Amino acid sequence: MRALVIHGRLDLREEDVPTPEPGAGQVRLRMAYAGICGSDLHYYFDGANGAFVVREPLVPGHEVSGRVDLDPSGTYAPGTPVTVHPATFGTPEPGIEDQPHLWPNGAYLGSASTWPHTQGGMSEYLVVAAGMVRPLPPGLPLRRASLAEPLAVGLHALAVAGGVAGKRVLVSGSGPIGLLAAAAALAAGAAEVVSTDALAGPLARAAALGVQATLQVGRDEMPDGAFDVVLECSGAAAAVNAAVVAVRRAGVVVQVGMLAAGPHPIALAPLVSKEVLLRGSFRFKDEIDEAVRLLAADPTIEQVITHELGPDAAVEAFEKAKDSDGSGKVVIRLWDVGNDD
């Protein structure tokens, strides 16, 4: 089968690799779409995602959709459209028994965090555990379904915040995760959703999704104490400080964006004086099921996808995805194998 393979920094190749065979409890999928995530960008442009260095050829891609090709158990018929929960959960620990996404020793599709690396879905075929398969409801196209994983990240952030119904919400950063977090907050009944970014392009995309207002960092003044919940999706230390200013007293800041490794200058005095609750949000537990339902119910979310390219233009796709002003979510439509929506 064909696959897109990262061998190191700026080294992405289309290659022939062995077609995987499903074992007991596994399903083989024929892949249709794969979105390019921030971790994929780091693996390609840096040869590493934080501490996770590409040490062997890595097939990226965890934001995927496709069709069942072979299910030895007979549970899923060939051709069943699906998306995938990309996590393999690790070892339970006391106190987090009900939070498997936080268990140590887990794995994630398209990740160099494990050895051997966990191969991803930018390939013709992908074998996954049957429990990772999520069949799609009628009418949900495969292209839109590739947004289920990043939308689940936004939905999990809402859960970490304690819900946003009837609340004033600020979404800091309007890249793909910020856009999908804003869409999730709107769908969850937030009283107001305001999106920020330093660039005009992302703000225009946020406005198109229906947020009530946008603020351009460096141009517009950030209101002090105006929001019940801030979802910080940019992963910039300066944005964390701004989030603590923007949230009301006893409000909640959820850190969704991953900051670079190492110490960062975070002003904690206002967090203390306002008794702000600062919480981290890591991937998701089972919110992908809600994401699938929401994507089926609201076709407008698909506009987060701004570019679709084929595997022969994969390097161009990664370049476009790196251009946060010019692109939202960039997806690769995988090889033409009869998987039209």
C-alpha atoms as a PDB file:
ATOM      1  CA  MET A   1       0.000   0.000   0.000  1.00  0.00           C
ATOM      2  CA  ARG A   2       0.998   3.623  -0.346  1.00  0.00           C
ATOM      3  CA  ALA A   3       1.679   5.862   2.639  1.00  0.00           C
ATOM      4  CA  LEU A   4       3.055   9.283   3.484  1.00  0.00           C
ATOM      5  CA  VAL A   5       6.135   8.753   5.650  1.00  0.00           C
ATOM      6  CA  ILE A   6       8.187  11.251   7.657  1.00  0.00           C
ATOM      7  CA  HIS A   7      11.843  10.229   7.896  1.00  0.00           C
ATOM      8  CA  GLY A   8      13.035  13.330   9.690  1.00  0.00           C
ATOM      9  CA  ARG A   9      13.040  17.108   9.475  1.00  0.00           C
ATOM     10  CA  LEU A  10      11.649  18.273   6.109  1.00  0.00           C
ATOM     11  CA  ASP A  11      11.778  14.710   4.806  1.00  0.00           C
ATOM     12  CA  LEU A  12       8.297  13.523   3.782  1.00  0.00           C
ATOM     13  CA  ARG A  13       7.997  10.791   1.177  1.00  0.00           C
ATOM     14  CA  GLU A  14       5.261   8.818  -0.528  1.00  0.00           C
ATOM     15  CA  GLU A  15       6.307   5.185  -0.209  1.00  0.00           C
ATOM     16  CA  ASP A  16       5.101   1.635  -0.699  1.00  0.00           C
ATOM     17  CA  VAL A  17       4.851  -0.148   2.645  1.00  0.00           C
ATOM     18  CA  PRO A  18       3.380  -3.536   3.598  1.00  0.00           C
ATOM     19  CA  THR A  19      -0.409  -3.706   3.755  1.00  0.00           C
ATOM     20  CA  PRO A  20      -1.379  -4.560   7.352  1.00  0.00           C
ATOM     21  CA  GLU A  21      -3.524  -7.580   8.167  1.00  0.00           C
ATOM     22  CA  PRO A  22      -6.077  -7.343  10.982  1.00  0.00           C
ATOM     23  CA  GLY A  23      -5.803  -9.772  13.858  1.00  0.00           C
ATOM     24  CA  ALA A  24      -8.314 -10.762  16.491  1.00  0.00           C
ATOM     25  CA  GLY A  25     -10.245  -7.751  17.746  1.00  0.00           C
ATOM     26  CA  GLN A  26      -8.961  -5.530  14.951  1.00  0.00           C
ATOM     27  CA  VAL A  27     -10.486  -3.865  11.878  1.00  0.00           C
ATOM     28  CA  ARG A  28      -8.767  -2.766   8.681  1.00  0.00           C
ATOM     29  CA  LEU A  29      -9.895   0.555   7.244  1.00  0.00           C
ATOM     30  CA  ARG A  30      -9.429   2.043   3.799  1.00  0.00           C
ATOM     31  CA  MET A  31      -8.567   5.633   4.492  1.00  0.00           C
ATOM     32  CA  ALA A  32     -10.292   8.620   2.922  1.00  0.00           C
ATOM     33  CA  TYR A  33      -9.190  11.838   4.666  1.00  0.00           C
ATOM     34  CA  ALA A  34      -6.531  12.890   7.147  1.00  0.00           C
ATOM     35  CA  GLY A  35      -6.315  16.331   8.704  1.00  0.00           C
ATOM     36  CA  ILE A  36      -2.945  17.924   9.426  1.00  0.00           C
ATOM     37  CA  CYS A  37      -2.551  18.646  13.139  1.00  0.00           C
ATOM     38  CA  GLY A  38       0.000  20.771  14.974  1.00  0.00           C
ATOM     39  CA  SER A  39       1.894  17.656  16.060  1.00  0.00           C
ATOM     40  CA  ASP A  40       2.128  16.525  12.422  1.00  0.00           C
ATOM     41  CA  LEU A  41       3.598  19.913  11.543  1.00  0.00           C
ATOM     42  CA  HIS A  42       6.237  19.589  14.272  1.00  0.00           C
ATOM     43  CA  TYR A  43       7.201  16.098  13.154  1.00  0.00           C
ATOM     44  CA  TYR A  44       7.678  17.327   9.578  1.00  0.00           C
ATOM     45  CA  PHE A  45       9.193  20.764  10.082  1.00  0.00           C
ATOM     46  CA  ASP A  46      11.250  19.985  13.227  1.00  0.00           C
ATOM     47  CA  GLY A  47      11.713  16.229  13.120  1.00  0.00           C
ATOM     48  CA  ALA A  48      10.233  16.114  16.617  1.00  0.00           C
ATOM     49  CA  ASN A  49       7.173  17.079  18.605  1.00  0.00           C
ATOM     50  CA  GLY A  50       8.585  18.397  21.846  1.00  0.00           C
ATOM     51  CA  ALA A  51      10.600  15.573  23.393  1.00  0.00           C
ATOM     52  CA  PHE A  52       9.242  13.017  20.924  1.00  0.00           C
ATOM     53  CA  VAL A  53      11.843  12.674  18.191  1.00  0.00           C
ATOM     54  CA  VAL A  54      11.266  10.816  14.912  1.00  0.00           C
ATOM     55  CA  ARG A  55      13.670   7.886  15.328  1.00  0.00           C
ATOM     56  CA  GLU A  56      12.201   5.637  12.644  1.00  0.00           C
ATOM     57  CA  PRO A  57       9.967   6.257   9.600  1.00  0.00           C
ATOM     58  CA  LEU A  58       6.654   7.626  10.860  1.00  0.00           C
ATOM     59  CA  VAL A  59       3.281   7.712   9.083  1.00  0.00           C
ATOM     60  CA  PRO A  60       1.533  10.781  10.547  1.00  0.00           C
ATOM     61  CA  GLY A  61      -2.165  11.439  10.909  1.00  0.00           C
ATOM     62  CA  HIS A  62      -4.695  10.980  13.728  1.00  0.00           C
ATOM     63  CA  GLU A  63      -7.568  13.122  12.413  1.00  0.00           C
ATOM     64  CA  VAL A  64      -8.918  10.537  10.018  1.00  0.00           C
ATOM     65  CA  SER A  65     -11.939   9.072   8.284  1.00  0.00           C
ATOM     66  CA  GLY A  66     -12.437   6.156   5.943  1.00  0.00           C
ATOM     67  CA  ARG A  67     -14.421   3.006   5.276  1.00  0.00           C
ATOM     68  CA  VAL A  68     -14.231  -0.472   6.731  1.00  0.00           C
ATOM     69  CA  ASP A  69     -12.236  -2.718   4.430  1.00  0.00           C
ATOM     70  CA  LEU A  70     -12.061  -5.926   6.484  1.00  0.00           C
ATOM     71  CA  ASP A  71     -13.556  -6.835   9.852  1.00  0.00           C
ATOM     72  CA  PRO A  72     -12.819 -10.471  10.700  1.00  0.00           C
ATOM     73  CA  SER A  73     -15.519 -10.440  13.388  1.00  0.00           C
ATOM     74  CA  GLY A  74     -18.221  -9.448  10.921  1.00  0.00           C
ATOM     75  CA  THR A  75     -19.407  -6.590  13.154  1.00  0.00           C
ATOM     76  CA  TYR A  76     -18.863  -3.950  10.468  1.00  0.00           C
ATOM     77  CA  ALA A  77     -19.778  -4.548   6.847  1.00  0.00           C
ATOM     78  CA  PRO A  78     -17.250  -3.620   4.171  1.00  0.00           C
ATOM     79  CA  GLY A  79     -17.769  -0.017   3.103  1.00  0.00           C
ATOM     80  CA  THR A  80     -19.119   1.198   6.460  1.00  0.00           C
ATOM     81  CA  PRO A  81     -18.050   4.861   6.809  1.00  0.00           C
ATOM     82  CA  VAL A  82     -16.151   5.551  10.036  1.00  0.00           C
ATOM     83  CA  THR A  83     -13.884   7.823  11.963  1.00  0.00           C
ATOM     84  CA  VAL A  84     -11.422   6.680  14.608  1.00  0.00           C
ATOM     85  CA  HIS A  85     -10.737   7.426  18.271  1.00  0.00           C
ATOM     86  CA  PRO A  86      -6.937   7.600  17.912  1.00  0.00           C
ATOM     87  CA  ALA A  87      -5.977   6.692  21.488  1.00  0.00           C
ATOM     88  CA  THR A  88      -4.894   3.382  22.918  1.00  0.00           C
ATOM     89  CA  PHE A  89      -5.304   3.859  26.646  1.00  0.00           C
ATOM     90  CA  GLY A  90      -2.503   2.832  28.988  1.00  0.00           C
ATOM     91  CA  THR A  91      -2.224   1.705  32.607  1.00  0.00           C
ATOM     92  CA  PRO A  92      -4.938   2.713  35.119  1.00  0.00           C
ATOM     93  CA  GLU A  93      -3.796   4.645  38.167  1.00  0.00           C
ATOM     94  CA  PRO A  94      -5.527   5.318  41.491  1.00  0.00           C
ATOM     95  CA  GLY A  95      -7.548   8.503  41.458  1.00  0.00           C
ATOM     96  CA  ILE A  96      -7.962   8.634  37.665  1.00  0.00           C
ATOM     97  CA  GLU A  97      -9.684   5.326  37.024  1.00  0.00           C
ATOM     98  CA  ASP A  98     -12.425   7.123  35.078  1.00  0.00           C
ATOM     99  CA  GLN A  99     -10.002   9.269  33.052  1.00  0.00           C
ATOM    100  CA  PRO A 100      -8.285   6.818  30.687  1.00  0.00           C
ATOM    101  CA  HIS A 101      -6.930   9.617  28.481  1.00  0.00           C
ATOM    102  CA  LEU A 102      -4.637  10.512  31.407  1.00  0.00           C
ATOM    103  CA  TRP A 103      -3.373   6.987  32.081  1.00  0.00           C
ATOM    104  CA  PRO A 104       0.382   6.562  31.499  1.00  0.00           C
ATOM    105  CA  ASN A 105       1.837   4.268  28.843  1.00  0.00           C
ATOM    106  CA  GLY A 106      -0.883   4.978  26.283  1.00  0.00           C
ATOM    107  CA  ALA A 107      -0.408   5.549  22.578  1.00  0.00           C
ATOM    108  CA  TYR A 108      -1.840   7.817  19.887  1.00  0.00           C
ATOM    109  CA  LEU A 109      -2.010   7.344  16.142  1.00  0.00           C
ATOM    110  CA  GLY A 110       0.824   9.017  14.234  1.00  0.00           C
ATOM    111  CA  SER A 111       2.998   9.581  17.280  1.00  0.00           C
ATOM    112  CA  ALA A 112       6.707   9.205  18.030  1.00  0.00           C
ATOM    113  CA  SER A 113       5.977   9.115  21.775  1.00  0.00           C
ATOM    114  CA  THR A 114       6.162   5.303  21.718  1.00  0.00           C
ATOM    115  CA  TRP A 115       8.792   2.827  20.610  1.00  0.00           C
ATOM    116  CA  PRO A 116       8.224   1.474  18.083  1.00  0.00           C
ATOM    117  CA  HIS A 117       6.363   4.570  16.899  1.00  0.00           C
ATOM    118  CA  THR A 118       2.595   4.376  16.600  1.00  0.00           C
ATOM    119  CA  GLN A 119       1.879   4.681  12.884  1.00  0.00           C
ATOM    120  CA  GLY A 120      -0.899   7.007  11.764  1.00  0.00           C
ATOM    121  CA  GLY A 121      -3.564   7.136   9.104  1.00  0.00           C
ATOM    122  CA  MET A 122      -2.003   8.963   6.139  1.00  0.00           C
ATOM    123  CA  SER A 123      -1.949   5.681   4.247  1.00  0.00           C
ATOM    124  CA  GLU A 124      -4.178   3.583   2.028  1.00  0.00           C
ATOM    125  CA  TYR A 125      -5.029   1.202   4.846  1.00  0.00           C
ATOM    126  CA  LEU A 126      -4.951   1.366   8.628  1.00  0.00           C
ATOM    127  CA  VAL A 127      -5.516  -1.420  11.157  1.00  0.00           C
ATOM    128  CA  VAL A 128      -7.006  -0.351  14.492  1.00  0.00           C
ATOM    129  CA  ALA A 129      -8.550  -2.044  17.492  1.00  0.00           C
ATOM    130  CA  ALA A 130     -12.279  -2.550  16.990  1.00  0.00           C
ATOM    131  CA  GLY A 131     -13.024  -0.359  20.008  1.00  0.00           C
ATOM    132  CA  MET A 132     -11.426   2.623  18.264  1.00  0.00           C
ATOM    133  CA  VAL A 133     -13.886   2.507  15.342  1.00  0.00           C
ATOM    134  CA  ARG A 134     -16.749   5.004  15.300  1.00  0.00           C
ATOM    135  CA  PRO A 135     -19.342   4.383  12.545  1.00  0.00           C
ATOM    136  CA  LEU A 136     -20.780   7.540  11.023  1.00  0.00           C
ATOM    137  CA  PRO A 137     -24.486   8.415  10.976  1.00  0.00           C
ATOM    138  CA  PRO A 138     -26.215   8.710   7.596  1.00  0.00           C
ATOM    139  CA  GLY A 139     -25.534  12.012   5.870  1.00  0.00           C
ATOM    140  CA  LEU A 140     -22.191  12.777   7.540  1.00  0.00           C
ATOM    141  CA  PRO A 141     -19.611  13.022   4.738  1.00  0.00           C
ATOM    142  CA  LEU A 142     -16.175  11.531   5.234  1.00  0.00           C
ATOM    143  CA  ARG A 143     -14.545  14.908   4.616  1.00  0.00           C
ATOM    144  CA  ARG A 144     -16.425  16.553   7.482  1.00  0.00           C
ATOM    145  CA  ALA A 145     -15.960  13.484   9.680  1.00  0.00           C
ATOM    146  CA  SER A 146     -12.191  14.049   9.630  1.00  0.00           C
ATOM    147  CA  LEU A 147     -12.890  16.955  12.011  1.00  0.00           C
ATOM    148  CA  ALA A 148     -14.232  14.638  14.724  1.00  0.00           C
ATOM    149  CA  GLU A 149     -10.923  14.265  16.565  1.00  0.00           C
ATOM    150  CA  PRO A 150     -10.028  17.980  16.834  1.00  0.00           C
ATOM    151  CA  LEU A 151     -13.657  18.864  17.610  1.00  0.00           C
ATOM    152  CA  ALA A 152     -13.546  16.312  20.442  1.00  0.00           C
ATOM    153  CA  VAL A 153     -10.552  18.229  21.839  1.00  0.00           C
ATOM    154  CA  GLY A 154     -12.721  21.361  21.991  1.00  0.00           C
ATOM    155  CA  LEU A 155     -15.641  19.494  23.540  1.00  0.00           C
ATOM    156  CA  HIS A 156     -13.387  18.037  26.208  1.00  0.00           C
ATOM    157  CA  ALA A 157     -12.195  21.547  27.069  1.00  0.00           C
ATOM    158  CA  LEU A 158     -15.821  22.530  27.683  1.00  0.00           C
ATOM    159  CA  ALA A 159     -16.212  19.583  30.023  1.00  0.00           C
ATOM    160  CA  VAL A 160     -13.037  20.567  31.894  1.00  0.00           C
ATOM    161  CA  ALA A 161     -14.494  24.076  32.246  1.00  0.00           C
ATOM    162  CA  GLY A 162     -17.619  22.645  33.860  1.00  0.00           C
ATOM    163  CA  GLY A 163     -19.833  23.514  30.887  1.00  0.00           C
ATOM    164  CA  VAL A 164     -20.488  26.813  29.174  1.00  0.00           C
ATOM    165  CA  ALA A 165     -24.281  26.990  28.789  1.00  0.00           C
ATOM    166  CA  GLY A 166     -25.425  30.539  29.495  1.00  0.00           C
ATOM    167  CA  LYS A 167     -21.850  31.732  30.072  1.00  0.00           C
ATOM    168  CA  ARG A 168     -19.642  34.356  28.457  1.00  0.00           C
ATOM    169  CA  VAL A 169     -16.779  32.558  26.750  1.00  0.00           C
ATOM    170  CA  LEU A 170     -13.505  33.861  25.342  1.00  0.00           C
ATOM    171  CA  VAL A 171     -11.618  31.598  22.941  1.00  0.00           C
ATOM    172  CA  SER A 172      -7.973  32.644  22.822  1.00  0.00           C
ATOM    173  CA  GLY A 173      -6.450  31.712  19.468  1.00  0.00           C
ATOM    174  CA  SER A 174      -8.420  30.996  16.294  1.00  0.00           C
ATOM    175  CA  GLY A 175      -6.414  28.253  14.664  1.00  0.00           C
ATOM    176  CA  PRO A 176      -8.271  25.016  13.879  1.00  0.00           C
ATOM    177  CA  ILE A 177      -8.572  23.952  17.531  1.00  0.00           C
ATOM    178  CA  GLY A 178      -9.711  27.430  18.566  1.00  0.00           C
ATOM    179  CA  LEU A 179     -12.263  27.523  15.758  1.00  0.00           C
ATOM    180  CA  LEU A 180     -13.654  24.129  16.705  1.00  0.00           C
ATOM    181  CA  ALA A 181     -13.689  25.057  20.398  1.00  0.00           C
ATOM    182  CA  ALA A 182     -15.697  28.153  19.468  1.00  0.00           C
ATOM    183  CA  ALA A 183     -18.104  26.047  17.404  1.00  0.00           C
ATOM    184  CA  ALA A 184     -18.473  23.653  20.336  1.00  0.00           C
ATOM    185  CA  ALA A 185     -19.184  26.526  22.749  1.00  0.00           C
ATOM    186  CA  LEU A 186     -21.817  27.970  20.418  1.00  0.00           C
ATOM    187  CA  ALA A 187     -23.482  24.574  20.093  1.00  0.00           C
ATOM    188  CA  ALA A 188     -23.375  24.107  23.872  1.00  0.00           C
ATOM    189  CA  GLY A 189     -25.470  27.238  24.443  1.00  0.00           C
ATOM    190  CA  ALA A 190     -22.880  29.798  25.530  1.00  0.00           C
ATOM    191  CA  ALA A 191     -24.466  33.209  26.022  1.00  0.00           C
ATOM    192  CA  GLU A 192     -21.597  34.867  24.147  1.00  0.00           C
ATOM    193  CA  VAL A 193     -18.498  33.597  22.370  1.00  0.00           C
ATOM    194  CA  VAL A 194     -15.657  35.983  21.554  1.00  0.00           C
ATOM    195  CA  SER A 195     -12.594  34.820  19.607  1.00  0.00           C
ATOM    196  CA  THR A 196      -9.114  36.344  19.605  1.00  0.00           C
ATOM    197  CA  ASP A 197      -6.072  36.021  17.382  1.00  0.00           C
ATOM    198  CA  ALA A 198      -3.112  38.093  16.293  1.00  0.00           C
ATOM    199  CA  LEU A 199      -3.966  37.588  12.615  1.00  0.00           C
ATOM    200  CA  ALA A 200      -6.905  38.733  10.506  1.00  0.00           C
ATOM    201  CA  GLY A 201      -7.419  35.471   8.612  1.00  0.00           C
ATOM    202  CA  PRO A 202      -8.272  33.307  11.621  1.00  0.00           C
ATOM    203  CA  LEU A 203     -10.561  36.006  13.000  1.00  0.00           C
ATOM    204  CA  ALA A 204     -12.490  36.128   9.731  1.00  0.00           C
ATOM    205  CA  ARG A 205     -12.983  32.373   9.949  1.00  0.00           C
ATOM    206  CA  ALA A 206     -14.190  32.669  13.545  1.00  0.00           C
ATOM    207  CA  ALA A 207     -16.691  35.349  12.535  1.00  0.00           C
ATOM    208  CA  ALA A 208     -17.971  33.106   9.739  1.00  0.00           C
ATOM    209  CA  LEU A 209     -18.681  30.401  12.321  1.00  0.00           C
ATOM    210  CA  GLY A 210     -20.994  32.786  14.137  1.00  0.00           C
ATOM    211  CA  VAL A 211     -19.067  34.058  17.170  1.00  0.00           C
ATOM    212  CA  GLN A 212     -20.553  37.262  18.527  1.00  0.00           C
ATOM    213  CA  ALA A 213     -17.310  39.248  18.389  1.00  0.00           C
ATOM    214  CA  THR A 214     -13.609  39.018  17.570  1.00  0.00           C
ATOM    215  CA  LEU A 215     -10.597  40.760  19.102  1.00  0.00           C
ATOM    216  CA  GLN A 216      -7.293  41.186  17.277  1.00  0.00           C
ATOM    217  CA  VAL A 217      -4.349  40.861  19.630  1.00  0.00           C
ATOM    218  CA  GLY A 218      -2.140  43.940  19.471  1.00  0.00           C
ATOM    219  CA  ARG A 219      -4.921  46.118  18.087  1.00  0.00           C
ATOM    220  CA  ASP A 220      -8.017  45.672  20.244  1.00  0.00           C
ATOM    221  CA  GLU A 221      -8.114  46.112  23.999  1.00  0.00           C
ATOM    222  CA  MET A 222      -8.742  42.955  25.992  1.00  0.00           C
ATOM    223  CA  PRO A 223     -11.657  43.545  28.396  1.00  0.00           C
ATOM    224  CA  ASP A 224     -10.769  42.994  32.046  1.00  0.00           C
ATOM    225  CA  GLY A 225     -12.822  40.427  33.925  1.00  0.00           C
ATOM    226  CA  ALA A 226     -15.479  40.152  31.217  1.00  0.00           C
ATOM    227  CA  PHE A 227     -15.690  36.377  30.753  1.00  0.00           C
ATOM    228  CA  ASP A 228     -16.866  33.458  32.843  1.00  0.00           C
ATOM    229  CA  VAL A 229     -14.707  30.986  30.933  1.00  0.00           C
ATOM    230  CA  VAL A 230     -11.570  31.408  28.819  1.00  0.00           C
ATOM    231  CA  LEU A 231     -10.463  28.589  26.527  1.00  0.00           C
ATOM    232  CA  GLU A 232      -6.790  29.311  25.807  1.00  0.00           C
ATOM    233  CA  CYS A 233      -6.029  27.518  22.539  1.00  0.00           C
ATOM    234  CA  SER A 234      -2.933  29.329  21.267  1.00  0.00           C
ATOM    235  CA  GLY A 235      -0.313  27.814  23.567  1.00  0.00           C
ATOM    236  CA  ALA A 236       1.497  31.147  23.962  1.00  0.00           C
ATOM    237  CA  ALA A 237       2.625  32.289  27.413  1.00  0.00           C
ATOM    238  CA  ALA A 238       1.509  35.866  26.712  1.00  0.00           C
ATOM    239  CA  ALA A 239      -1.954  34.549  25.880  1.00  0.00           C
ATOM    240  CA  VAL A 240      -2.125  32.708  29.208  1.00  0.00           C
ATOM    241  CA  ASN A 241      -1.447  35.995  30.987  1.00  0.00           C
ATOM    242  CA  ALA A 242      -4.110  37.730  28.897  1.00  0.00           C
ATOM    243  CA  ALA A 243      -6.573  34.952  29.710  1.00  0.00           C
ATOM    244  CA  VAL A 244      -6.123  35.482  33.445  1.00  0.00           C
ATOM    245  CA  VAL A 245      -6.810  39.193  32.940  1.00  0.00           C
ATOM    246  CA  ALA A 246      -9.875  38.569  30.775  1.00  0.00           C
ATOM    247  CA  VAL A 247     -11.605  36.069  33.058  1.00  0.00           C
ATOM    248  CA  ARG A 248     -13.849  37.298  35.851  1.00  0.00           C
ATOM    249  CA  ARG A 249     -13.204  36.787  39.535  1.00  0.00           C
ATOM    250  CA  ALA A 250     -13.599  33.104  40.420  1.00  0.00           C
ATOM    251  CA  GLY A 251     -13.811  32.316  36.719  1.00  0.00           C
ATOM    252  CA  VAL A 252     -12.234  29.400  34.865  1.00  0.00           C
ATOM    253  CA  VAL A 253      -9.300  29.386  32.442  1.00  0.00           C
ATOM    254  CA  VAL A 254      -8.816  26.130  30.541  1.00  0.00           C
ATOM    255  CA  GLN A 255      -5.396  25.695  28.944  1.00  0.00           C
ATOM    256  CA  VAL A 256      -6.019  23.776  25.724  1.00  0.00           C
ATOM    257  CA  GLY A 257      -2.997  24.844  23.666  1.00  0.00           C
ATOM    258  CA  MET A 258       0.209  23.013  24.505  1.00  0.00           C
ATOM    259  CA  LEU A 259       3.020  25.337  25.537  1.00  0.00           C
ATOM    260  CA  ALA A 260       6.559  24.546  24.489  1.00  0.00           C
ATOM    261  CA  ALA A 261       8.638  22.561  26.939  1.00  0.00           C
ATOM    262  CA  GLY A 262      10.447  24.499  29.654  1.00  0.00           C
ATOM    263  CA  PRO A 263       9.564  27.364  32.013  1.00  0.00           C
ATOM    264  CA  HIS A 264       7.418  30.277  30.918  1.00  0.00           C
ATOM    265  CA  PRO A 265       6.844  33.743  32.431  1.00  0.00           C
ATOM    266  CA  ILE A 266       3.283  33.515  33.756  1.00  0.00           C
ATOM    267  CA  ALA A 267       1.958  36.352  35.961  1.00  0.00           C
ATOM    268  CA  LEU A 268       0.226  34.543  38.817  1.00  0.00           C
ATOM    269  CA  ALA A 269      -0.686  37.532  40.999  1.00  0.00           C
ATOM    270  CA  PRO A 270      -4.021  38.239  39.251  1.00  0.00           C
ATOM    271  CA  LEU A 271      -4.817  34.520  39.271  1.00  0.00           C
ATOM    272  CA  VAL A 272      -4.397  34.529  43.054  1.00  0.00           C
ATOM    273  CA  SER A 273      -6.198  37.809  43.752  1.00  0.00           C
ATOM    274  CA  LYS A 274      -9.158  36.816  41.556  1.00  0.00           C
ATOM    275  CA  GLU A 275      -9.212  33.181  42.741  1.00  0.00           C
ATOM    276  CA  VAL A 276      -9.144  32.054  39.130  1.00  0.00           C
ATOM    277  CA  LEU A 277      -9.311  28.313  38.495  1.00  0.00           C
ATOM    278  CA  LEU A 278      -6.639  27.367  35.928  1.00  0.00           C
ATOM    279  CA  ARG A 279      -7.073  23.875  34.500  1.00  0.00           C
ATOM    280  CA  GLY A 280      -5.305  21.891  31.805  1.00  0.00           C
ATOM    281  CA  SER A 281      -7.169  20.032  29.072  1.00  0.00           C
ATOM    282  CA  PHE A 282      -5.409  17.090  27.414  1.00  0.00           C
ATOM    283  CA  ARG A 283      -6.832  15.435  24.290  1.00  0.00           C
ATOM    284  CA  PHE A 284     -10.174  13.838  25.275  1.00  0.00           C
ATOM    285  CA  LYS A 285     -11.851  10.830  26.843  1.00  0.00           C
ATOM    286  CA  ASP A 286     -14.930   9.844  24.826  1.00  0.00           C
ATOM    287  CA  GLU A 287     -16.075  13.208  23.456  1.00  0.00           C
ATOM    288  CA  ILE A 288     -15.463  11.994  19.895  1.00  0.00           C
ATOM    289  CA  ASP A 289     -18.928  10.413  20.028  1.00  0.00           C
ATOM    290  CA  GLU A 290     -20.482  13.800  20.750  1.00  0.00           C
ATOM    291  CA  ALA A 291     -18.291  15.325  18.047  1.00  0.00           C
ATOM    292  CA  VAL A 292     -19.673  12.899  15.462  1.00  0.00           C
ATOM    293  CA  ARG A 293     -23.238  13.801  16.460  1.00  0.00           C
ATOM    294  CA  LEU A 294     -22.504  17.526  16.299  1.00  0.00           C
ATOM    295  CA  LEU A 295     -20.818  17.282  12.895  1.00  0.00           C
ATOM    296  CA  ALA A 296     -23.829  15.400  11.548  1.00  0.00           C
ATOM    297  CA  ALA A 297     -26.218  18.009  12.939  1.00  0.00           C
ATOM    298  CA  ASP A 298     -24.319  21.148  11.865  1.00  0.00           C
ATOM    299  CA  PRO A 299     -22.820  21.115   8.354  1.00  0.00           C
ATOM    300  CA  THR A 300     -21.517  24.679   8.789  1.00  0.00           C
ATOM    301  CA  ILE A 301     -18.653  23.397  10.949  1.00  0.00           C
ATOM    302  CA  GLU A 302     -17.076  21.977   7.802  1.00  0.00           C
ATOM    303  CA  GLN A 303     -16.079  25.497   6.749  1.00  0.00           C
ATOM    304  CA  VAL A 304     -13.202  25.176   9.237  1.00  0.00           C
ATOM    305  CA  ILE A 305     -11.598  23.149   6.429  1.00  0.00           C
ATOM    306  CA  THR A 306     -10.045  25.680   4.061  1.00  0.00           C
ATOM    307  CA  HIS A 307      -7.807  23.483   1.905  1.00  0.00           C
ATOM    308  CA  GLU A 308      -7.996  19.954   0.514  1.00  0.00           C
ATOM    309  CA  LEU A 309      -5.059  18.459  -1.360  1.00  0.00           C
ATOM    310  CA  GLY A 310      -4.101  15.021  -2.599  1.00  0.00           C
ATOM    311  CA  PRO A 311      -1.166  12.937  -1.372  1.00  0.00           C
ATOM    312  CA  ASP A 312       0.893  13.966  -4.390  1.00  0.00           C
ATOM    313  CA  ALA A 313       0.801  17.499  -2.951  1.00  0.00           C
ATOM    314  CA  ALA A 314       1.476  16.499   0.655  1.00  0.00           C
ATOM    315  CA  VAL A 315       4.453  18.824   1.127  1.00  0.00           C
ATOM    316  CA  GLU A 316       2.378  21.711  -0.204  1.00  0.00           C
ATOM    317  CA  ALA A 317      -0.408  20.711   2.191  1.00  0.00           C
ATOM    318  CA  PHE A 318       1.983  20.863   5.148  1.00  0.00           C
ATOM    319  CA  GLU A 319       3.262  24.262   3.991  1.00  0.00           C
ATOM    320  CA  LYS A 320      -0.293  25.589   3.760  1.00  0.00           C
ATOM    321  CA  ALA A 321      -1.164  24.196   7.190  1.00  0.00           C
ATOM    322  CA  LYS A 322       1.822  26.047   8.654  1.00  0.00           C
ATOM    323  CA  ASP A 323       0.442  29.343   7.281  1.00  0.00           C
ATOM    324  CA  SER A 324      -2.014  30.111  10.061  1.00  0.00           C
ATOM    325  CA  ASP A 325      -3.150  33.373   8.471  1.00  0.00           C
ATOM    326  CA  GLY A 326      -3.955  31.793   5.124  1.00  0.00           C
ATOM    327  CA  SER A 327      -5.416  28.487   6.255  1.00  0.00           C
ATOM    328  CA  GLY A 328      -7.728  26.892   8.760  1.00  0.00           C
ATOM    329  CA  LYS A 329      -7.788  23.116   8.775  1.00  0.00           C
ATOM    330  CA  VAL A 330      -5.907  21.526   5.877  1.00  0.00           C
ATOM    331  CA  VAL A 331      -6.918  17.972   4.957  1.00  0.00           C
ATOM    332  CA  ILE A 332      -5.301  15.453   2.659  1.00  0.00           C
ATOM    333  CA  ARG A 333      -7.677  13.452   0.535  1.00  0.00           C
ATOM    334  CA  LEU A 334      -5.971  10.112   0.348  1.00  0.00           C
ATOM    335  CA  TRP A 335      -5.508   7.944  -2.709  1.00  0.00           C
ATOM    336  CA  ASP A 336      -8.467   7.571  -5.039  1.00  0.00           C
ATOM    337  CA  VAL A 337      -9.768   4.198  -3.921  1.00  0.00           C
ATOM    338  CA  GLY A 338     -13.483   4.687  -4.459  1.00  0.00           C
ATOM    339  CA  ASN A 339     -14.175   6.404  -1.156  1.00  0.00           C
ATOM    340  CA  ASP A 340     -16.233   9.318  -2.450  1.00  0.00           C
ATOM    341  CA  ASP A 341     -18.717  10.578   0.113  1.00  0.00           C
END
